[in-house]
Amino acid sequence: MFLVDYWLWMAMPLAVCAILAIWIDVRFIIVAMMVLFIIMPMVLALLYFYYGFSPEARWSIMEKTVTLDENGITLDFTDERMKKHAIHWDDVHYIIEKDDAVMLMLRGGRRYTCLMLPASVVNPDVAQLLRQFVSQTH
């Protein structure tokens, strides 16, 4: 989702280096290759760690029991070190249904915050209930 939103900002330095290579000097191709093979992977690795270590990503992979009600979603973890977390329906921005997971995109400080539930545990009745509680589905 990040790449779909920001592909232009990732392609622009390469395009600028290509234009400079044509107009000024061919050595800008080397600069473009350094940007492509060194700087871009480092930026993507930082984004991976930023979103991969978020609390919501941890909630998605931990063993838990999920309860749906009128107020929202309650996550009750089997690990005694984790406390219950309640996600109100107002905090769910929209729902993305994939073949193997249902992603609940959450509002919050980060733009790409999502809670993933495996599709094997979300039957069609629960998916319909989720769509009913969340005003906008995607």
C-alpha atoms as a PDB file:
ATOM      1  CA  MET A   1       0.000   0.000   0.000  1.00  0.00           C
ATOM      2  CA  PHE A   2       2.913   2.312   0.729  1.00  0.00           C
ATOM      3  CA  LEU A   3       4.433   1.717  -2.692  1.00  0.00           C
ATOM      4  CA  VAL A   4       1.127   2.402  -4.417  1.00  0.00           C
ATOM      5  CA  ASP A   5       0.807   5.754  -2.638  1.00  0.00           C
ATOM      6  CA  TYR A   6       4.429   6.904  -2.929  1.00  0.00           C
ATOM      7  CA  TRP A   7       5.751   5.333  -6.133  1.00  0.00           C
ATOM      8  CA  LEU A   8       6.298   8.757  -7.668  1.00  0.00           C
ATOM      9  CA  TRP A   9       8.603   9.870  -4.856  1.00  0.00           C
ATOM     10  CA  MET A  10      10.628   6.700  -5.314  1.00  0.00           C
ATOM     11  CA  ALA A  11      10.871   6.988  -9.097  1.00  0.00           C
ATOM     12  CA  MET A  12      11.605  10.730  -9.198  1.00  0.00           C
ATOM     13  CA  PRO A  13      15.293  10.563  -8.099  1.00  0.00           C
ATOM     14  CA  LEU A  14      15.931   7.892 -10.713  1.00  0.00           C
ATOM     15  CA  ALA A  15      14.257   9.968 -13.404  1.00  0.00           C
ATOM     16  CA  VAL A  16      16.221  13.077 -12.404  1.00  0.00           C
ATOM     17  CA  CYS A  17      19.482  11.106 -12.558  1.00  0.00           C
ATOM     18  CA  ALA A  18      18.518   9.715 -15.977  1.00  0.00           C
ATOM     19  CA  ILE A  19      17.789  13.202 -17.312  1.00  0.00           C
ATOM     20  CA  LEU A  20      21.062  14.527 -15.891  1.00  0.00           C
ATOM     21  CA  ALA A  21      22.905  11.573 -17.449  1.00  0.00           C
ATOM     22  CA  ILE A  22      21.503  12.449 -20.868  1.00  0.00           C
ATOM     23  CA  TRP A  23      22.068  16.214 -20.637  1.00  0.00           C
ATOM     24  CA  ILE A  24      25.191  16.619 -18.526  1.00  0.00           C
ATOM     25  CA  ASP A  25      27.259  13.507 -17.846  1.00  0.00           C
ATOM     26  CA  VAL A  26      26.857   9.752 -18.164  1.00  0.00           C
ATOM     27  CA  ARG A  27      28.246   9.276 -14.645  1.00  0.00           C
ATOM     28  CA  PHE A  28      24.841  10.206 -13.244  1.00  0.00           C
ATOM     29  CA  ILE A  29      23.790   6.672 -14.208  1.00  0.00           C
ATOM     30  CA  ILE A  30      26.159   5.467 -11.490  1.00  0.00           C
ATOM     31  CA  VAL A  31      24.448   7.836  -9.047  1.00  0.00           C
ATOM     32  CA  ALA A  32      21.057   6.493 -10.125  1.00  0.00           C
ATOM     33  CA  MET A  33      22.234   2.935  -9.549  1.00  0.00           C
ATOM     34  CA  MET A  34      23.515   3.888  -6.077  1.00  0.00           C
ATOM     35  CA  VAL A  35      20.135   5.416  -5.278  1.00  0.00           C
ATOM     36  CA  LEU A  36      18.338   2.331  -6.581  1.00  0.00           C
ATOM     37  CA  PHE A  37      20.493  -0.338  -4.967  1.00  0.00           C
ATOM     38  CA  ILE A  38      21.686   1.351  -1.750  1.00  0.00           C
ATOM     39  CA  ILE A  39      19.404   4.181  -0.631  1.00  0.00           C
ATOM     40  CA  MET A  40      16.002   2.728  -1.620  1.00  0.00           C
ATOM     41  CA  PRO A  41      16.522  -0.622   0.184  1.00  0.00           C
ATOM     42  CA  MET A  42      17.663   1.235   3.315  1.00  0.00           C
ATOM     43  CA  VAL A  43      14.567   3.437   3.296  1.00  0.00           C
ATOM     44  CA  LEU A  44      12.313   0.426   2.741  1.00  0.00           C
ATOM     45  CA  ALA A  45      14.055  -1.454   5.570  1.00  0.00           C
ATOM     46  CA  LEU A  46      13.415   1.451   7.947  1.00  0.00           C
ATOM     47  CA  LEU A  47       9.749   1.473   6.928  1.00  0.00           C
ATOM     48  CA  TYR A  48       9.586  -2.291   7.422  1.00  0.00           C
ATOM     49  CA  PHE A  49      10.858  -1.988  10.991  1.00  0.00           C
ATOM     50  CA  TYR A  50       8.673   1.063  11.720  1.00  0.00           C
ATOM     51  CA  TYR A  51       5.457  -0.693  10.720  1.00  0.00           C
ATOM     52  CA  GLY A  52       6.555  -4.238  11.530  1.00  0.00           C
ATOM     53  CA  PHE A  53       7.239  -3.486  15.197  1.00  0.00           C
ATOM     54  CA  SER A  54       4.073  -1.474  15.785  1.00  0.00           C
ATOM     55  CA  PRO A  55       1.689  -2.686  18.515  1.00  0.00           C
ATOM     56  CA  GLU A  56      -0.970  -3.490  15.937  1.00  0.00           C
ATOM     57  CA  ALA A  57       1.416  -5.789  14.038  1.00  0.00           C
ATOM     58  CA  ARG A  58       2.193  -7.577  17.306  1.00  0.00           C
ATOM     59  CA  TRP A  59      -1.529  -7.887  18.057  1.00  0.00           C
ATOM     60  CA  SER A  60      -2.063  -9.425  14.612  1.00  0.00           C
ATOM     61  CA  ILE A  61       0.356 -12.304  15.139  1.00  0.00           C
ATOM     62  CA  MET A  62      -0.244 -13.081  18.823  1.00  0.00           C
ATOM     63  CA  GLU A  63      -2.649 -15.807  19.891  1.00  0.00           C
ATOM     64  CA  LYS A  64      -5.879 -14.175  20.946  1.00  0.00           C
ATOM     65  CA  THR A  65      -9.623 -14.369  21.214  1.00  0.00           C
ATOM     66  CA  VAL A  66     -11.551 -11.726  19.311  1.00  0.00           C
ATOM     67  CA  THR A  67     -14.990 -10.606  20.480  1.00  0.00           C
ATOM     68  CA  LEU A  68     -17.280  -8.425  18.371  1.00  0.00           C
ATOM     69  CA  ASP A  69     -20.032  -6.338  19.932  1.00  0.00           C
ATOM     70  CA  GLU A  70     -21.805  -3.012  19.419  1.00  0.00           C
ATOM     71  CA  ASN A  71     -18.929  -1.020  20.949  1.00  0.00           C
ATOM     72  CA  GLY A  72     -16.132  -2.528  18.903  1.00  0.00           C
ATOM     73  CA  ILE A  73     -13.610  -5.332  18.867  1.00  0.00           C
ATOM     74  CA  THR A  74     -12.107  -6.721  22.061  1.00  0.00           C
ATOM     75  CA  LEU A  75      -8.792  -8.534  21.819  1.00  0.00           C
ATOM     76  CA  ASP A  76      -8.172 -10.941  24.707  1.00  0.00           C
ATOM     77  CA  PHE A  77      -4.659 -12.392  24.494  1.00  0.00           C
ATOM     78  CA  THR A  78      -3.723 -15.815  25.850  1.00  0.00           C
ATOM     79  CA  ASP A  79      -0.384 -14.486  27.100  1.00  0.00           C
ATOM     80  CA  GLU A  80      -0.885 -13.223  30.641  1.00  0.00           C
ATOM     81  CA  ARG A  81       1.634 -10.414  30.115  1.00  0.00           C
ATOM     82  CA  MET A  82      -0.678  -8.773  27.587  1.00  0.00           C
ATOM     83  CA  LYS A  83      -3.791  -6.976  28.708  1.00  0.00           C
ATOM     84  CA  LYS A  84      -7.089  -6.736  26.864  1.00  0.00           C
ATOM     85  CA  HIS A  85      -7.312  -4.194  24.096  1.00  0.00           C
ATOM     86  CA  ALA A  86     -10.535  -2.653  22.866  1.00  0.00           C
ATOM     87  CA  ILE A  87     -10.806  -1.178  19.396  1.00  0.00           C
ATOM     88  CA  HIS A  88     -13.889   0.967  18.939  1.00  0.00           C
ATOM     89  CA  TRP A  89     -15.774   0.919  15.650  1.00  0.00           C
ATOM     90  CA  ASP A  90     -14.972   4.613  15.186  1.00  0.00           C
ATOM     91  CA  ASP A  91     -11.267   3.679  15.095  1.00  0.00           C
ATOM     92  CA  VAL A  92     -11.773   1.317  12.129  1.00  0.00           C
ATOM     93  CA  HIS A  93     -11.386   3.321   8.937  1.00  0.00           C
ATOM     94  CA  TYR A  94     -12.248   0.586   6.433  1.00  0.00           C
ATOM     95  CA  ILE A  95     -11.956  -3.142   5.783  1.00  0.00           C
ATOM     96  CA  ILE A  96      -9.837  -4.865   3.144  1.00  0.00           C
ATOM     97  CA  GLU A  97     -10.714  -8.485   2.445  1.00  0.00           C
ATOM     98  CA  LYS A  98      -7.956 -10.584   0.901  1.00  0.00           C
ATOM     99  CA  ASP A  99      -7.919 -14.303   0.133  1.00  0.00           C
ATOM    100  CA  ASP A 100      -5.967 -15.214   3.259  1.00  0.00           C
ATOM    101  CA  ALA A 101      -6.750 -12.358   5.684  1.00  0.00           C
ATOM    102  CA  VAL A 102      -9.157  -9.609   6.630  1.00  0.00           C
ATOM    103  CA  MET A 103      -7.382  -6.320   7.311  1.00  0.00           C
ATOM    104  CA  LEU A 104      -9.001  -3.710   9.494  1.00  0.00           C
ATOM    105  CA  MET A 105      -7.405  -0.383   8.627  1.00  0.00           C
ATOM    106  CA  LEU A 106      -7.309   1.660  11.830  1.00  0.00           C
ATOM    107  CA  ARG A 107      -7.264   5.381  12.387  1.00  0.00           C
ATOM    108  CA  GLY A 108      -4.425   6.639  14.471  1.00  0.00           C
ATOM    109  CA  GLY A 109      -1.072   8.334  14.422  1.00  0.00           C
ATOM    110  CA  ARG A 110       0.391   6.175  11.657  1.00  0.00           C
ATOM    111  CA  ARG A 111      -1.151   6.072   8.221  1.00  0.00           C
ATOM    112  CA  TYR A 112      -0.810   2.360   7.437  1.00  0.00           C
ATOM    113  CA  THR A 113      -1.993   0.917  10.734  1.00  0.00           C
ATOM    114  CA  CYS A 114      -3.882  -2.324  10.306  1.00  0.00           C
ATOM    115  CA  LEU A 115      -5.062  -5.276  12.357  1.00  0.00           C
ATOM    116  CA  MET A 116      -5.016  -8.520  10.406  1.00  0.00           C
ATOM    117  CA  LEU A 117      -7.344 -11.393  11.160  1.00  0.00           C
ATOM    118  CA  PRO A 118      -6.841 -14.712   9.333  1.00  0.00           C
ATOM    119  CA  ALA A 119      -9.566 -15.463   6.816  1.00  0.00           C
ATOM    120  CA  SER A 120      -9.808 -19.011   8.159  1.00  0.00           C
ATOM    121  CA  VAL A 121     -11.341 -17.724  11.393  1.00  0.00           C
ATOM    122  CA  VAL A 122     -13.485 -15.015   9.801  1.00  0.00           C
ATOM    123  CA  ASN A 123     -16.494 -16.709   8.290  1.00  0.00           C
ATOM    124  CA  PRO A 124     -18.846 -14.798   5.922  1.00  0.00           C
ATOM    125  CA  ASP A 125     -21.313 -14.047   8.747  1.00  0.00           C
ATOM    126  CA  VAL A 126     -18.599 -12.308  10.744  1.00  0.00           C
ATOM    127  CA  ALA A 127     -17.437 -10.424   7.650  1.00  0.00           C
ATOM    128  CA  GLN A 128     -21.002  -9.227   7.092  1.00  0.00           C
ATOM    129  CA  LEU A 129     -21.169  -8.121  10.736  1.00  0.00           C
ATOM    130  CA  LEU A 130     -17.901  -6.214  10.318  1.00  0.00           C
ATOM    131  CA  ARG A 131     -19.234  -4.443   7.232  1.00  0.00           C
ATOM    132  CA  GLN A 132     -22.376  -3.551   9.153  1.00  0.00           C
ATOM    133  CA  PHE A 133     -20.456  -1.899  12.000  1.00  0.00           C
ATOM    134  CA  VAL A 134     -17.928  -0.093   9.805  1.00  0.00           C
ATOM    135  CA  SER A 135     -19.545   2.589   7.708  1.00  0.00           C
ATOM    136  CA  GLN A 136     -17.080   2.505   4.806  1.00  0.00           C
ATOM    137  CA  THR A 137     -15.734  -0.742   3.410  1.00  0.00           C
ATOM    138  CA  HIS A 138     -12.962  -0.859   0.851  1.00  0.00           C
END
